[in-house]
Amino acid sequence: MPDTDLLRPVAQERPDPALGSRTSLPIHYPVFVISSRHEMERVAQLKGKRFLALSVESAGSSFGVPWWLNVVNTHAELSILDCGDSPTTARQALDLGVGGVICRVNAAQLRTLQSYDRYRGRLLTLRPPSSRSDNLREDPHDSL
């Protein structure tokens, strides 16, 4: 006979199981924070194609995907756009060829985004560690 005691506490499942945060992409290149076309060109001169361009925090939400595509130009597939908490901006960026996005959303929204095969492995929930900017300078007093 089933237990029908109304005073007995009922174990409740967590509605959104915790998903692990991801901070790195499968490509192992140095990561440089890029905030302008000028910085992008400078890094590309020094590093060639072997680096990941990372936008400043929440740049996708603030400036938009077209701005980022203009900054990274032909380097879009090796770039990461920080979209803040906007899953719409993250989807737009991934659909337009940006290699990876950072999107701080709840577990249900993240699960929905990851349900698309073409987005899997390209979604980050935390910013990856970036390389020191001073390793780009020939002299310590040089600026980007």
N, C-alpha and C. Protein backbone atom coordinates (compact mmCIF):
# COMPACT_ATOMS: atom_id res chain seq x y z
N MET A 1 0.83 -1.17 0.00
CA MET A 1 0.00 0.00 0.00
C MET A 1 0.89 1.25 0.00
N PRO A 2 0.58 2.24 -0.86
CA PRO A 2 1.42 3.43 -0.94
C PRO A 2 1.32 4.26 0.32
N ASP A 3 2.41 4.97 0.61
CA ASP A 3 2.46 5.84 1.79
C ASP A 3 1.69 7.12 1.48
N THR A 4 0.63 7.36 2.22
CA THR A 4 -0.22 8.53 1.97
C THR A 4 -0.14 9.55 3.09
N ASP A 5 0.88 9.46 3.93
CA ASP A 5 1.03 10.39 5.04
C ASP A 5 1.32 11.78 4.48
N LEU A 6 0.40 12.73 4.67
CA LEU A 6 0.55 14.08 4.13
C LEU A 6 1.60 14.90 4.87
N LEU A 7 1.97 14.50 6.07
CA LEU A 7 2.95 15.25 6.85
C LEU A 7 4.39 14.81 6.56
N ARG A 8 4.54 13.70 5.86
CA ARG A 8 5.88 13.20 5.55
C ARG A 8 6.51 14.11 4.49
N PRO A 9 7.73 14.59 4.74
CA PRO A 9 8.38 15.44 3.73
C PRO A 9 8.66 14.63 2.45
N VAL A 10 8.40 15.26 1.35
CA VAL A 10 8.59 14.63 0.05
C VAL A 10 9.91 15.12 -0.54
N ALA A 11 10.72 14.16 -0.95
CA ALA A 11 11.98 14.52 -1.59
C ALA A 11 11.67 15.11 -2.95
N GLN A 12 12.20 16.29 -3.22
CA GLN A 12 11.93 16.95 -4.48
C GLN A 12 13.20 16.98 -5.31
N GLU A 13 13.05 16.67 -6.59
CA GLU A 13 14.19 16.74 -7.48
C GLU A 13 14.46 18.18 -7.83
N ARG A 14 15.70 18.46 -8.10
CA ARG A 14 16.06 19.79 -8.56
C ARG A 14 15.54 19.93 -9.99
N PRO A 15 14.78 20.98 -10.30
CA PRO A 15 14.18 21.09 -11.62
C PRO A 15 15.19 21.25 -12.75
N ASP A 16 16.26 21.98 -12.50
CA ASP A 16 17.29 22.16 -13.53
C ASP A 16 18.59 21.56 -13.02
N PRO A 17 18.94 20.37 -13.50
CA PRO A 17 20.20 19.80 -13.02
C PRO A 17 21.37 20.71 -13.38
N ALA A 18 22.32 20.75 -12.50
CA ALA A 18 23.48 21.61 -12.72
C ALA A 18 24.27 21.13 -13.92
N LEU A 19 24.64 22.05 -14.76
CA LEU A 19 25.48 21.74 -15.91
C LEU A 19 26.87 22.28 -15.61
N GLY A 20 27.86 21.55 -16.00
CA GLY A 20 29.22 21.99 -15.76
C GLY A 20 29.55 23.23 -16.57
N SER A 21 30.31 24.12 -16.00
CA SER A 21 30.75 25.29 -16.73
C SER A 21 31.91 24.90 -17.61
N ARG A 22 31.99 25.54 -18.73
CA ARG A 22 33.05 25.26 -19.66
C ARG A 22 33.83 26.53 -19.88
N THR A 23 35.14 26.45 -19.81
CA THR A 23 35.95 27.65 -19.97
C THR A 23 36.96 27.53 -21.09
N SER A 24 36.98 26.44 -21.80
CA SER A 24 37.98 26.33 -22.85
C SER A 24 37.40 25.66 -24.09
N LEU A 25 37.95 26.04 -25.20
CA LEU A 25 37.58 25.44 -26.48
C LEU A 25 38.56 24.32 -26.79
N PRO A 26 38.22 23.41 -27.69
CA PRO A 26 39.13 22.31 -28.00
C PRO A 26 40.42 22.74 -28.68
N ILE A 27 40.48 23.96 -29.20
CA ILE A 27 41.69 24.45 -29.87
C ILE A 27 42.63 25.03 -28.82
N HIS A 28 43.87 24.66 -28.84
CA HIS A 28 44.82 25.11 -27.83
C HIS A 28 45.75 26.17 -28.40
N TYR A 29 45.20 27.36 -28.56
CA TYR A 29 45.95 28.52 -29.03
C TYR A 29 45.97 29.55 -27.91
N PRO A 30 46.93 30.46 -27.93
CA PRO A 30 46.88 31.54 -26.95
C PRO A 30 45.63 32.40 -27.21
N VAL A 31 45.08 32.97 -26.15
CA VAL A 31 43.87 33.78 -26.24
C VAL A 31 44.23 35.22 -25.92
N PHE A 32 43.85 36.14 -26.82
CA PHE A 32 44.13 37.56 -26.61
C PHE A 32 42.83 38.35 -26.64
N VAL A 33 42.66 39.22 -25.66
CA VAL A 33 41.49 40.08 -25.60
C VAL A 33 41.65 41.17 -26.64
N ILE A 34 40.66 41.28 -27.50
CA ILE A 34 40.68 42.23 -28.61
C ILE A 34 39.50 43.19 -28.45
N SER A 35 39.76 44.49 -28.56
CA SER A 35 38.67 45.45 -28.43
C SER A 35 38.54 46.37 -29.63
N SER A 36 39.42 46.23 -30.62
CA SER A 36 39.33 47.10 -31.79
C SER A 36 39.97 46.42 -33.00
N ARG A 37 39.66 46.93 -34.15
CA ARG A 37 40.25 46.42 -35.40
C ARG A 37 41.77 46.61 -35.38
N HIS A 38 42.22 47.74 -34.83
CA HIS A 38 43.65 48.02 -34.74
C HIS A 38 44.37 46.94 -33.92
N GLU A 39 43.82 46.58 -32.76
CA GLU A 39 44.43 45.53 -31.94
C GLU A 39 44.43 44.20 -32.68
N MET A 40 43.36 43.91 -33.39
CA MET A 40 43.27 42.66 -34.13
C MET A 40 44.36 42.58 -35.19
N GLU A 41 44.56 43.66 -35.92
CA GLU A 41 45.60 43.68 -36.95
C GLU A 41 46.99 43.54 -36.35
N ARG A 42 47.20 44.17 -35.21
CA ARG A 42 48.51 44.09 -34.53
C ARG A 42 48.80 42.66 -34.08
N VAL A 43 47.82 42.02 -33.45
CA VAL A 43 48.01 40.65 -32.98
C VAL A 43 48.21 39.72 -34.17
N ALA A 44 47.44 39.91 -35.23
CA ALA A 44 47.56 39.06 -36.42
C ALA A 44 48.95 39.20 -37.06
N GLN A 45 49.53 40.40 -37.05
CA GLN A 45 50.88 40.59 -37.57
C GLN A 45 51.90 39.81 -36.76
N LEU A 46 51.73 39.82 -35.44
CA LEU A 46 52.69 39.18 -34.56
C LEU A 46 52.49 37.67 -34.43
N LYS A 47 51.26 37.22 -34.48
CA LYS A 47 50.96 35.81 -34.22
C LYS A 47 50.47 35.03 -35.43
N GLY A 48 50.19 35.69 -36.54
CA GLY A 48 49.65 34.98 -37.70
C GLY A 48 48.23 34.54 -37.41
N LYS A 49 47.91 33.30 -37.76
CA LYS A 49 46.57 32.77 -37.54
C LYS A 49 46.48 31.91 -36.29
N ARG A 50 47.53 31.79 -35.53
CA ARG A 50 47.58 30.83 -34.43
C ARG A 50 47.26 31.48 -33.08
N PHE A 51 46.07 32.07 -32.98
CA PHE A 51 45.60 32.62 -31.71
C PHE A 51 44.08 32.71 -31.76
N LEU A 52 43.49 32.81 -30.57
CA LEU A 52 42.05 33.03 -30.46
C LEU A 52 41.81 34.48 -30.05
N ALA A 53 40.93 35.15 -30.76
CA ALA A 53 40.56 36.52 -30.42
C ALA A 53 39.36 36.46 -29.48
N LEU A 54 39.48 37.08 -28.33
CA LEU A 54 38.42 37.10 -27.33
C LEU A 54 37.92 38.53 -27.17
N SER A 55 36.61 38.72 -27.27
CA SER A 55 36.06 40.06 -27.13
C SER A 55 36.10 40.50 -25.67
N VAL A 56 35.92 41.79 -25.47
CA VAL A 56 35.79 42.29 -24.11
C VAL A 56 34.47 41.80 -23.53
N GLU A 57 34.32 41.89 -22.23
CA GLU A 57 33.15 41.34 -21.56
C GLU A 57 31.84 41.97 -22.05
N SER A 58 30.89 41.12 -22.41
CA SER A 58 29.54 41.50 -22.88
C SER A 58 29.55 42.35 -24.14
N ALA A 59 30.59 42.25 -24.95
CA ALA A 59 30.67 43.05 -26.17
C ALA A 59 29.58 42.69 -27.17
N GLY A 60 29.19 41.43 -27.22
CA GLY A 60 28.14 41.02 -28.14
C GLY A 60 26.83 41.71 -27.83
N SER A 61 26.49 41.80 -26.56
CA SER A 61 25.26 42.48 -26.15
C SER A 61 25.37 43.99 -26.33
N SER A 62 26.55 44.54 -26.12
CA SER A 62 26.73 45.98 -26.18
C SER A 62 26.89 46.51 -27.61
N PHE A 63 27.77 45.88 -28.37
CA PHE A 63 28.11 46.39 -29.70
C PHE A 63 27.49 45.60 -30.84
N GLY A 64 27.12 44.35 -30.59
CA GLY A 64 26.48 43.53 -31.59
C GLY A 64 27.43 42.63 -32.37
N VAL A 65 26.86 41.65 -33.00
CA VAL A 65 27.63 40.67 -33.77
C VAL A 65 28.28 41.30 -35.01
N PRO A 66 27.58 42.17 -35.76
CA PRO A 66 28.23 42.78 -36.94
C PRO A 66 29.52 43.53 -36.58
N TRP A 67 29.51 44.23 -35.42
CA TRP A 67 30.72 44.92 -34.99
C TRP A 67 31.86 43.93 -34.79
N TRP A 68 31.59 42.79 -34.12
CA TRP A 68 32.64 41.81 -33.86
C TRP A 68 33.16 41.21 -35.17
N LEU A 69 32.26 40.92 -36.09
CA LEU A 69 32.69 40.38 -37.38
C LEU A 69 33.56 41.37 -38.14
N ASN A 70 33.27 42.65 -38.00
CA ASN A 70 34.10 43.67 -38.62
C ASN A 70 35.47 43.74 -37.96
N VAL A 71 35.52 43.56 -36.64
CA VAL A 71 36.80 43.60 -35.92
C VAL A 71 37.67 42.40 -36.30
N VAL A 72 37.10 41.20 -36.28
CA VAL A 72 37.92 40.00 -36.50
C VAL A 72 38.10 39.66 -37.98
N ASN A 73 37.23 40.20 -38.83
CA ASN A 73 37.34 40.02 -40.28
C ASN A 73 37.38 38.55 -40.66
N THR A 74 38.45 38.06 -41.24
CA THR A 74 38.54 36.67 -41.70
C THR A 74 38.92 35.70 -40.58
N HIS A 75 39.09 36.19 -39.39
CA HIS A 75 39.51 35.38 -38.25
C HIS A 75 38.32 34.95 -37.38
N ALA A 76 37.11 35.07 -37.91
CA ALA A 76 35.89 34.83 -37.12
C ALA A 76 35.83 33.43 -36.54
N GLU A 77 36.25 32.43 -37.31
CA GLU A 77 36.14 31.06 -36.80
C GLU A 77 37.11 30.78 -35.65
N LEU A 78 38.11 31.62 -35.47
CA LEU A 78 39.04 31.49 -34.35
C LEU A 78 38.84 32.65 -33.37
N SER A 79 37.57 32.98 -33.13
CA SER A 79 37.28 34.06 -32.20
C SER A 79 36.19 33.63 -31.23
N ILE A 80 36.14 34.33 -30.10
CA ILE A 80 35.15 34.07 -29.06
C ILE A 80 34.48 35.40 -28.73
N LEU A 81 33.18 35.47 -28.90
CA LEU A 81 32.43 36.68 -28.59
C LEU A 81 31.70 36.50 -27.27
N ASP A 82 31.94 37.41 -26.35
CA ASP A 82 31.25 37.39 -25.05
C ASP A 82 29.88 38.04 -25.25
N CYS A 83 28.83 37.24 -25.12
CA CYS A 83 27.46 37.71 -25.37
C CYS A 83 26.71 38.03 -24.09
N GLY A 84 27.40 38.06 -22.96
CA GLY A 84 26.73 38.37 -21.70
C GLY A 84 25.65 37.35 -21.39
N ASP A 85 24.44 37.82 -21.14
CA ASP A 85 23.35 36.91 -20.82
C ASP A 85 22.32 36.83 -21.95
N SER A 86 22.77 37.06 -23.18
CA SER A 86 21.85 37.06 -24.33
C SER A 86 21.99 35.81 -25.19
N PRO A 87 21.09 34.84 -25.04
CA PRO A 87 21.15 33.66 -25.90
C PRO A 87 20.85 33.98 -27.36
N THR A 88 20.08 35.03 -27.61
CA THR A 88 19.78 35.44 -28.98
C THR A 88 21.04 35.91 -29.69
N THR A 89 21.81 36.73 -29.02
CA THR A 89 23.07 37.22 -29.60
C THR A 89 24.04 36.06 -29.80
N ALA A 90 24.07 35.12 -28.85
CA ALA A 90 24.95 33.95 -28.98
C ALA A 90 24.57 33.13 -30.21
N ARG A 91 23.28 32.88 -30.41
CA ARG A 91 22.84 32.12 -31.59
C ARG A 91 23.20 32.85 -32.88
N GLN A 92 22.97 34.16 -32.91
CA GLN A 92 23.28 34.93 -34.11
C GLN A 92 24.77 34.84 -34.42
N ALA A 93 25.61 34.98 -33.40
CA ALA A 93 27.06 34.92 -33.61
C ALA A 93 27.48 33.55 -34.14
N LEU A 94 26.97 32.49 -33.55
CA LEU A 94 27.34 31.14 -34.00
C LEU A 94 26.84 30.89 -35.41
N ASP A 95 25.64 31.35 -35.73
CA ASP A 95 25.10 31.17 -37.08
C ASP A 95 25.89 31.94 -38.13
N LEU A 96 26.50 33.06 -37.73
CA LEU A 96 27.26 33.88 -38.67
C LEU A 96 28.74 33.51 -38.74
N GLY A 97 29.14 32.44 -38.06
CA GLY A 97 30.50 31.93 -38.23
C GLY A 97 31.49 32.23 -37.13
N VAL A 98 31.06 32.84 -36.03
CA VAL A 98 31.97 33.06 -34.90
C VAL A 98 32.27 31.69 -34.29
N GLY A 99 33.53 31.44 -33.99
CA GLY A 99 33.94 30.12 -33.52
C GLY A 99 33.35 29.69 -32.20
N GLY A 100 33.25 30.62 -31.26
CA GLY A 100 32.70 30.29 -29.95
C GLY A 100 32.08 31.51 -29.31
N VAL A 101 31.19 31.27 -28.38
CA VAL A 101 30.55 32.37 -27.66
C VAL A 101 30.57 32.08 -26.17
N ILE A 102 30.57 33.15 -25.39
CA ILE A 102 30.39 33.05 -23.95
C ILE A 102 28.99 33.55 -23.69
N CYS A 103 28.20 32.73 -23.02
CA CYS A 103 26.81 33.09 -22.75
C CYS A 103 26.46 32.66 -21.34
N ARG A 104 26.14 33.62 -20.50
CA ARG A 104 25.81 33.36 -19.10
C ARG A 104 24.29 33.26 -18.96
N VAL A 105 23.76 32.08 -19.16
CA VAL A 105 22.32 31.85 -19.11
C VAL A 105 22.02 30.77 -18.08
N ASN A 106 20.73 30.59 -17.77
CA ASN A 106 20.37 29.55 -16.81
C ASN A 106 20.50 28.18 -17.46
N ALA A 107 20.40 27.15 -16.67
CA ALA A 107 20.64 25.78 -17.14
C ALA A 107 19.67 25.37 -18.25
N ALA A 108 18.42 25.77 -18.15
CA ALA A 108 17.44 25.40 -19.17
C ALA A 108 17.78 26.03 -20.51
N GLN A 109 18.16 27.31 -20.51
CA GLN A 109 18.54 27.98 -21.75
C GLN A 109 19.80 27.37 -22.34
N LEU A 110 20.77 27.04 -21.49
CA LEU A 110 22.00 26.43 -21.97
C LEU A 110 21.72 25.07 -22.59
N ARG A 111 20.87 24.29 -21.95
CA ARG A 111 20.50 22.99 -22.50
C ARG A 111 19.85 23.13 -23.87
N THR A 112 19.00 24.13 -24.01
CA THR A 112 18.34 24.38 -25.29
C THR A 112 19.35 24.73 -26.36
N LEU A 113 20.28 25.61 -26.04
CA LEU A 113 21.31 25.98 -27.02
C LEU A 113 22.17 24.76 -27.40
N GLN A 114 22.52 23.94 -26.41
CA GLN A 114 23.36 22.78 -26.68
C GLN A 114 22.63 21.68 -27.43
N SER A 115 21.31 21.79 -27.54
CA SER A 115 20.56 20.75 -28.26
C SER A 115 20.79 20.84 -29.77
N TYR A 116 21.30 21.97 -30.25
CA TYR A 116 21.64 22.11 -31.66
C TYR A 116 23.04 21.54 -31.88
N ASP A 117 23.16 20.58 -32.76
CA ASP A 117 24.46 19.94 -32.99
C ASP A 117 25.53 20.94 -33.40
N ARG A 118 25.17 21.91 -34.22
CA ARG A 118 26.19 22.85 -34.73
C ARG A 118 26.69 23.82 -33.65
N TYR A 119 25.99 23.90 -32.49
CA TYR A 119 26.43 24.76 -31.40
C TYR A 119 27.23 24.00 -30.35
N ARG A 120 27.12 22.69 -30.34
CA ARG A 120 27.77 21.89 -29.31
C ARG A 120 29.29 22.07 -29.37
N GLY A 121 29.88 22.30 -28.22
CA GLY A 121 31.32 22.50 -28.15
C GLY A 121 31.76 23.92 -28.45
N ARG A 122 30.81 24.79 -28.78
CA ARG A 122 31.14 26.17 -29.11
C ARG A 122 30.57 27.16 -28.10
N LEU A 123 29.92 26.63 -27.06
CA LEU A 123 29.31 27.46 -26.03
C LEU A 123 30.14 27.43 -24.75
N LEU A 124 30.48 28.58 -24.25
CA LEU A 124 31.22 28.70 -23.00
C LEU A 124 30.34 29.43 -22.00
N THR A 125 30.46 29.09 -20.74
CA THR A 125 29.71 29.80 -19.70
C THR A 125 30.61 30.74 -18.90
N LEU A 126 31.91 30.57 -19.01
CA LEU A 126 32.88 31.42 -18.33
C LEU A 126 33.93 31.88 -19.32
N ARG A 127 34.53 33.00 -19.05
CA ARG A 127 35.60 33.50 -19.92
C ARG A 127 36.85 32.64 -19.75
N PRO A 128 37.49 32.24 -20.85
CA PRO A 128 38.73 31.49 -20.72
C PRO A 128 39.86 32.41 -20.28
N PRO A 129 40.88 31.86 -19.67
CA PRO A 129 42.02 32.70 -19.29
C PRO A 129 42.70 33.24 -20.54
N SER A 130 43.06 34.50 -20.50
CA SER A 130 43.71 35.10 -21.67
C SER A 130 45.20 35.19 -21.44
N SER A 131 45.93 35.23 -22.55
CA SER A 131 47.38 35.36 -22.48
C SER A 131 47.72 36.78 -22.06
N ARG A 132 48.87 36.94 -21.47
CA ARG A 132 49.31 38.27 -21.06
C ARG A 132 49.52 39.14 -22.29
N SER A 133 49.02 40.34 -22.23
CA SER A 133 49.16 41.23 -23.38
C SER A 133 50.60 41.69 -23.58
N ASP A 134 51.41 41.68 -22.52
CA ASP A 134 52.77 42.17 -22.69
C ASP A 134 53.65 41.21 -23.49
N ASN A 135 53.18 39.98 -23.74
CA ASN A 135 54.00 39.11 -24.58
C ASN A 135 53.84 39.45 -26.05
N LEU A 136 53.00 40.45 -26.36
CA LEU A 136 52.88 40.92 -27.74
C LEU A 136 53.82 42.07 -28.02
N ARG A 137 54.36 42.68 -27.00
CA ARG A 137 55.17 43.87 -27.18
C ARG A 137 56.63 43.51 -27.35
N GLU A 138 57.25 44.20 -28.29
CA GLU A 138 58.68 43.99 -28.50
C GLU A 138 59.47 44.58 -27.34
N ASP A 139 59.03 45.74 -26.85
CA ASP A 139 59.65 46.40 -25.72
C ASP A 139 58.57 46.63 -24.67
N PRO A 140 58.92 46.61 -23.37
CA PRO A 140 57.93 46.79 -22.33
C PRO A 140 57.14 48.10 -22.44
N HIS A 141 57.73 49.13 -23.03
CA HIS A 141 57.05 50.42 -23.12
C HIS A 141 56.15 50.53 -24.36
N ASP A 142 56.21 49.56 -25.26
CA ASP A 142 55.34 49.59 -26.45
C ASP A 142 53.90 49.41 -26.03
N SER A 143 53.00 50.03 -26.73
CA SER A 143 51.58 49.83 -26.47
C SER A 143 50.93 49.24 -27.71
N LEU A 144 49.83 48.60 -27.48
CA LEU A 144 49.09 48.04 -28.61
C LEU A 144 48.42 49.20 -29.31
